[in-house]
C-alpha atoms as a PDB file:
ATOM      1  CA  MET A   1       0.013   0.063  -0.339  1.00  0.00           C
ATOM      2  CA  TYR A   2       1.074   3.294  -0.785  1.00  0.00           C
ATOM      3  CA  GLU A   3       2.052   5.477   2.341  1.00  0.00           C
ATOM      4  CA  THR A   4       0.973   9.568   2.019  1.00  0.00           C
ATOM      5  CA  PRO A   5       3.404  11.938   3.395  1.00  0.00           C
ATOM      6  CA  LEU A   6       0.702  12.818   6.264  1.00  0.00           C
ATOM      7  CA  ARG A   7       0.799   8.918   6.932  1.00  0.00           C
ATOM      8  CA  HIS A   8       4.394   8.538   6.808  1.00  0.00           C
ATOM      9  CA  PHE A   9       4.816  11.611   8.893  1.00  0.00           C
ATOM     10  CA  VAL A  10       1.881  10.274  11.919  1.00  0.00           C
ATOM     11  CA  ASN A  11       3.805   6.936  12.052  1.00  0.00           C
ATOM     12  CA  ASP A  12       7.715   8.706  12.731  1.00  0.00           C
ATOM     13  CA  ILE A  13       5.911  10.935  15.275  1.00  0.00           C
ATOM     14  CA  LEU A  14       4.740   7.514  16.870  1.00  0.00           C
ATOM     15  CA  LEU A  15       8.136   6.231  16.723  1.00  0.00           C
ATOM     16  CA  GLY A  16       9.512   8.627  18.008  1.00  0.00           C
ATOM     17  CA  PHE A  17       7.395   9.456  21.011  1.00  0.00           C
ATOM     18  CA  LYS A  18       7.377   5.902  21.499  1.00  0.00           C
ATOM     19  CA  ASN A  19      11.018   5.155  22.145  1.00  0.00           C
ATOM     20  CA  ARG A  20      10.859   8.817  24.056  1.00  0.00           C
ATOM     21  CA  ASN A  21      13.335   9.988  21.278  1.00  0.00           C
ATOM     22  CA  GLN A  22      13.426  14.286  21.319  1.00  0.00           C
ATOM     23  CA  LYS A  23      15.656  14.858  18.911  1.00  0.00           C
ATOM     24  CA  LYS A  24      13.705  12.336  16.101  1.00  0.00           C
ATOM     25  CA  LEU A  25      10.882  14.492  17.198  1.00  0.00           C
ATOM     26  CA  ARG A  26      12.616  17.987  16.839  1.00  0.00           C
ATOM     27  CA  LYS A  27      13.584  17.166  13.560  1.00  0.00           C
ATOM     28  CA  LEU A  28      10.248  15.560  12.522  1.00  0.00           C
ATOM     29  CA  ASN A  29       8.826  19.749  13.714  1.00  0.00           C
ATOM     30  CA  ASP A  30      11.302  20.596  11.241  1.00  0.00           C
ATOM     31  CA  ILE A  31      10.615  18.859   8.570  1.00  0.00           C
ATOM     32  CA  ILE A  32       6.913  18.472   8.527  1.00  0.00           C
ATOM     33  CA  LEU A  33       6.758  22.328   9.276  1.00  0.00           C
ATOM     34  CA  LYS A  34       8.759  22.563   5.848  1.00  0.00           C
ATOM     35  CA  GLU A  35       6.400  20.426   4.045  1.00  0.00           C
ATOM     36  CA  ALA A  36       3.860  22.753   5.397  1.00  0.00           C
ATOM     37  CA  VAL A  37       4.893  26.338   4.431  1.00  0.00           C
ATOM     38  CA  LEU A  38       4.921  24.324   0.780  1.00  0.00           C
ATOM     39  CA  HIS A  39       2.131  22.230   0.815  1.00  0.00           C
ATOM     40  CA  PHE A  40      -0.404  23.843   3.575  1.00  0.00           C
ATOM     41  CA  THR A  41      -2.890  22.118   4.892  1.00  0.00           C
ATOM     42  CA  LYS A  42      -4.463  22.104   8.076  1.00  0.00           C
ATOM     43  CA  PRO A  43      -3.430  18.122   9.520  1.00  0.00           C
ATOM     44  CA  THR A  44       0.193  18.771   8.334  1.00  0.00           C
ATOM     45  CA  PHE A  45       0.798  22.420  10.278  1.00  0.00           C
ATOM     46  CA  GLU A  46      -0.875  20.405  13.552  1.00  0.00           C
ATOM     47  CA  LEU A  47       1.564  17.624  12.847  1.00  0.00           C
ATOM     48  CA  GLY A  48       4.355  20.232  12.923  1.00  0.00           C
ATOM     49  CA  VAL A  49       3.587  21.610  16.123  1.00  0.00           C
ATOM     50  CA  PHE A  50       2.727  17.910  17.905  1.00  0.00           C
ATOM     51  CA  ALA A  51       6.072  16.909  16.607  1.00  0.00           C
ATOM     52  CA  TYR A  52       7.393  19.263  18.462  1.00  0.00           C
ATOM     53  CA  ILE A  53       4.848  19.824  22.211  1.00  0.00           C
ATOM     54  CA  LEU A  54       5.372  15.689  22.093  1.00  0.00           C
ATOM     55  CA  SER A  55       9.683  16.222  22.179  1.00  0.00           C
ATOM     56  CA  LYS A  56       8.871  18.569  24.843  1.00  0.00           C
ATOM     57  CA  LEU A  57       7.385  16.102  26.611  1.00  0.00           C
ATOM     58  CA  VAL A  58       9.796  13.680  26.208  1.00  0.00           C
ATOM     59  CA  SER A  59      12.135  15.700  26.641  1.00  0.00           C
ATOM     60  CA  LYS A  60      10.884  16.797  30.446  1.00  0.00           C
ATOM     61  CA  THR A  61      11.369  13.882  33.619  1.00  0.00           C
ATOM     62  CA  ARG A  62       8.617  15.574  35.231  1.00  0.00           C
ATOM     63  CA  PHE A  63       6.626  14.142  32.712  1.00  0.00           C
ATOM     64  CA  LEU A  64       7.650  10.534  32.311  1.00  0.00           C
ATOM     65  CA  LYS A  65       6.943   9.724  35.378  1.00  0.00           C
ATOM     66  CA  LYS A  66       5.335   6.138  36.389  1.00  0.00           C
ATOM     67  CA  GLN A  67       2.020   8.158  37.005  1.00  0.00           C
ATOM     68  CA  ASN A  68       1.621   9.721  33.483  1.00  0.00           C
ATOM     69  CA  ASP A  69       2.350   6.151  31.641  1.00  0.00           C
ATOM     70  CA  VAL A  70      -1.797   6.348  31.094  1.00  0.00           C
ATOM     71  CA  LYS A  71      -1.844   9.348  29.760  1.00  0.00           C
ATOM     72  CA  PHE A  72       1.085   8.403  27.163  1.00  0.00           C
ATOM     73  CA  LYS A  73      -0.703   5.294  26.170  1.00  0.00           C
ATOM     74  CA  GLU A  74      -3.564   7.479  25.580  1.00  0.00           C
ATOM     75  CA  ILE A  75      -1.669   9.522  23.141  1.00  0.00           C
ATOM     76  CA  GLU A  76       0.216   6.798  21.255  1.00  0.00           C
ATOM     77  CA  ALA A  77      -3.980   5.297  20.889  1.00  0.00           C
ATOM     78  CA  ILE A  78      -4.664   8.573  19.124  1.00  0.00           C
ATOM     79  CA  LEU A  79      -1.597   8.419  16.887  1.00  0.00           C
ATOM     80  CA  LYS A  80      -2.054   5.029  15.938  1.00  0.00           C
ATOM     81  CA  ASP A  81      -5.904   5.594  15.384  1.00  0.00           C
ATOM     82  CA  LEU A  82      -4.412   8.846  13.253  1.00  0.00           C
ATOM     83  CA  SER A  83      -1.844   6.559  11.390  1.00  0.00           C
ATOM     84  CA  LYS A  84      -4.666   4.095  10.325  1.00  0.00           C
ATOM     85  CA  ASN A  85      -7.352   6.656   9.369  1.00  0.00           C
ATOM     86  CA  ILE A  86      -5.135   9.705   8.162  1.00  0.00           C
ATOM     87  CA  ASP A  87      -6.233   8.971   4.401  1.00  0.00           C
ATOM     88  CA  ARG A  88      -9.659   8.287   4.943  1.00  0.00           C
ATOM     89  CA  LEU A  89     -10.615  11.008   7.791  1.00  0.00           C
ATOM     90  CA  PRO A  90     -12.327  14.207   6.294  1.00  0.00           C
ATOM     91  CA  GLU A  91     -10.095  16.732   7.725  1.00  0.00           C
ATOM     92  CA  SER A  92     -12.058  17.743  10.538  1.00  0.00           C
ATOM     93  CA  GLN A  93     -12.329  14.434  12.121  1.00  0.00           C
ATOM     94  CA  CYS A  94      -8.375  14.594  11.758  1.00  0.00           C
ATOM     95  CA  LEU A  95      -9.135  17.917  13.919  1.00  0.00           C
ATOM     96  CA  LEU A  96     -10.979  16.462  16.544  1.00  0.00           C
ATOM     97  CA  LEU A  97      -7.977  13.807  16.855  1.00  0.00           C
ATOM     98  CA  PHE A  98      -5.963  16.649  17.069  1.00  0.00           C
ATOM     99  CA  ARG A  99      -7.775  18.406  19.987  1.00  0.00           C
ATOM    100  CA  ASP A 100      -7.958  14.933  21.576  1.00  0.00           C
ATOM    101  CA  LEU A 101      -4.361  14.949  21.518  1.00  0.00           C
ATOM    102  CA  GLU A 102      -3.967  18.441  22.827  1.00  0.00           C
ATOM    103  CA  ASN A 103      -6.258  17.734  25.758  1.00  0.00           C
ATOM    104  CA  ASP A 104      -4.517  14.995  27.073  1.00  0.00           C
ATOM    105  CA  ILE A 105      -1.227  17.333  26.590  1.00  0.00           C
ATOM    106  CA  ILE A 106      -2.987  19.965  28.736  1.00  0.00           C
ATOM    107  CA  GLN A 107      -4.358  17.479  31.373  1.00  0.00           C
ATOM    108  CA  LEU A 108      -0.623  16.147  31.595  1.00  0.00           C
ATOM    109  CA  GLU A 109       0.681  20.246  31.728  1.00  0.00           C
ATOM    110  CA  GLU A 110      -2.517  20.811  34.687  1.00  0.00           C
ATOM    111  CA  GLU A 111      -1.033  18.792  37.377  1.00  0.00           C
ATOM    112  CA  ASP A 112       2.658  19.937  37.233  1.00  0.00           C
ATOM    113  CA  LYS A 113       2.400  23.774  36.094  1.00  0.00           C
ATOM    114  CA  ARG A 114       5.647  25.477  35.703  1.00  0.00           C
ATOM    115  CA  TYR A 115       5.106  27.764  32.947  1.00  0.00           C
ATOM    116  CA  ILE A 116       2.563  31.117  31.895  1.00  0.00           C
ATOM    117  CA  THR A 117       2.702  29.697  28.036  1.00  0.00           C
ATOM    118  CA  ASN A 118       1.284  26.297  28.008  1.00  0.00           C
ATOM    119  CA  LEU A 119       2.981  23.782  25.324  1.00  0.00           C
ATOM    120  CA  ASP A 120       0.837  23.453  22.561  1.00  0.00           C
ATOM    121  CA  THR A 121       0.423  27.713  22.963  1.00  0.00           C
ATOM    122  CA  LYS A 122       4.719  27.519  22.654  1.00  0.00           C
ATOM    123  CA  GLY A 123       4.063  24.506  19.980  1.00  0.00           C
ATOM    124  CA  ARG A 124       1.469  27.349  17.963  1.00  0.00           C
ATOM    125  CA  LEU A 125       4.195  30.093  18.735  1.00  0.00           C
ATOM    126  CA  LYS A 126       7.210  28.874  17.343  1.00  0.00           C
ATOM    127  CA  ALA A 127       5.612  27.107  14.259  1.00  0.00           C
ATOM    128  CA  ALA A 128       3.551  30.452  13.521  1.00  0.00           C
ATOM    129  CA  ALA A 129       7.176  31.932  13.849  1.00  0.00           C
ATOM    130  CA  LEU A 130       8.791  29.492  11.528  1.00  0.00           C
ATOM    131  CA  LEU A 131       5.981  30.109   8.970  1.00  0.00           C
ATOM    132  CA  TYR A 132       6.740  33.762   9.090  1.00  0.00           C
ATOM    133  CA  ALA A 133      10.809  33.036   8.331  1.00  0.00           C
ATOM    134  CA  GLN A 134       9.956  31.201   5.622  1.00  0.00           C
ATOM    135  CA  GLY A 135       8.345  33.703   3.742  1.00  0.00           C
ATOM    136  CA  VAL A 136       4.668  33.604   4.898  1.00  0.00           C
ATOM    137  CA  SER A 137       3.057  37.155   5.699  1.00  0.00           C
ATOM    138  CA  ILE A 138       2.816  37.857   9.339  1.00  0.00           C
ATOM    139  CA  GLY A 139      -0.945  37.986   8.884  1.00  0.00           C
ATOM    140  CA  VAL A 140      -0.864  34.563   7.572  1.00  0.00           C
ATOM    141  CA  ALA A 141       0.843  33.284   9.644  1.00  0.00           C
ATOM    142  CA  SER A 142      -1.570  35.037  12.378  1.00  0.00           C
ATOM    143  CA  ASP A 143      -4.385  33.796  10.848  1.00  0.00           C
ATOM    144  CA  VAL A 144      -3.297  30.121  10.470  1.00  0.00           C
ATOM    145  CA  THR A 145      -1.563  29.442  14.169  1.00  0.00           C
ATOM    146  CA  GLY A 146      -4.088  32.387  16.107  1.00  0.00           C
ATOM    147  CA  ILE A 147      -1.004  33.408  17.270  1.00  0.00           C
ATOM    148  CA  ASN A 148      -1.030  37.481  17.801  1.00  0.00           C
ATOM    149  CA  LYS A 149       0.794  38.926  14.804  1.00  0.00           C
ATOM    150  CA  GLN A 150       3.157  40.679  17.758  1.00  0.00           C
ATOM    151  CA  ASP A 151       3.696  37.549  19.604  1.00  0.00           C
ATOM    152  CA  ILE A 152       5.011  35.812  16.333  1.00  0.00           C
ATOM    153  CA  GLN A 153       7.421  39.277  15.244  1.00  0.00           C
ATOM    154  CA  SER A 154       8.982  39.231  19.306  1.00  0.00           C
ATOM    155  CA  TYR A 155       9.394  35.079  19.498  1.00  0.00           C
ATOM    156  CA  ALA A 156      10.954  35.132  15.597  1.00  0.00           C
ATOM    157  CA  GLY A 157      13.580  38.254  16.649  1.00  0.00           C
ATOM    158  CA  LYS A 158      14.111  36.700  19.625  1.00  0.00           C
ATOM    159  CA  THR A 159      15.173  33.268  18.516  1.00  0.00           C
ATOM    160  CA  ARG A 160      16.978  34.979  15.018  1.00  0.00           C
ATOM    161  CA  MET A 161      14.901  31.845  13.395  1.00  0.00           C
ATOM    162  CA  PHE A 162      15.577  33.845  10.302  1.00  0.00           C
ATOM    163  CA  ASP A 163      19.563  33.705  10.374  1.00  0.00           C
ATOM    164  CA  ARG A 164      19.881  29.730  10.611  1.00  0.00           C
ATOM    165  CA  LEU A 165      17.375  29.655   7.727  1.00  0.00           C
ATOM    166  CA  GLU A 166      18.789  26.993   5.128  1.00  0.00           C
ATOM    167  CA  GLU A 167      16.509  27.776   1.667  1.00  0.00           C
ATOM    168  CA  PRO A 168      14.939  31.400   1.305  1.00  0.00           C
ATOM    169  CA  ILE A 169      11.601  31.249  -0.965  1.00  0.00           C
ATOM    170  CA  SER A 170      11.564  32.920  -4.193  1.00  0.00           C
ATOM    171  CA  ILE A 171       8.557  36.047  -4.519  1.00  0.00           C
ATOM    172  CA  LYS A 172       7.083  34.242  -6.761  1.00  0.00           C
ATOM    173  CA  ASP A 173       6.638  30.972  -4.155  1.00  0.00           C
ATOM    174  CA  ARG A 174       5.952  33.523  -1.548  1.00  0.00           C
ATOM    175  CA  MET A 175       2.985  34.278  -3.852  1.00  0.00           C
ATOM    176  CA  LYS A 176       1.640  30.849  -4.480  1.00  0.00           C
ATOM    177  CA  ILE A 177       1.889  29.965  -0.718  1.00  0.00           C
ATOM    178  CA  ALA A 178       0.320  32.854   0.659  1.00  0.00           C
ATOM    179  CA  HIS A 179      -2.463  32.426  -1.912  1.00  0.00           C
ATOM    180  CA  LYS A 180      -2.968  28.482  -0.745  1.00  0.00           C
ATOM    181  CA  LEU A 181      -2.964  29.960   2.657  1.00  0.00           C
ATOM    182  CA  ILE A 182      -5.405  32.382   2.248  1.00  0.00           C
ATOM    183  CA  GLY A 183      -8.073  29.766   0.720  1.00  0.00           C
ATOM    184  CA  GLY A 184      -7.312  31.493  -3.295  1.00  0.00           C
END
């Protein structure tokens, strides 16, 4: 059976999460968000965000405690469901599964709050700044991610994302991306 990029991404995320491999998940975040910039779909974007969030979960010992095993199994079950069905489900159903993932992560954080910003918001902020750094307009990046424009600019400036970009995107490709992102 032919494996689509989304199915492939979900399988890789599941494997990285099961193996508690933070580096693999962070690399997947970069790869998937780059794909989202070039060929935007909401599920692709969400997968990129969750690759980052899950990398944070597996990198923090406070989340790796035995008491969180059940929640980690629930996350794995959602990823397995996505892996099996992502090609058959309408986008709206995929997004519901992503909300289930988000809820499980929020519940994990609720037990040990340490930061002003939760992992979901931080992941979306990072993704928005990456979209912006890759050439997507600040307005479109804000609309797609739900993150305030000023927060995106501030984060991108503080992290020096623009300095680390390997391949600049041409103006022509930026226009195509913007057109696709705003539904044209």
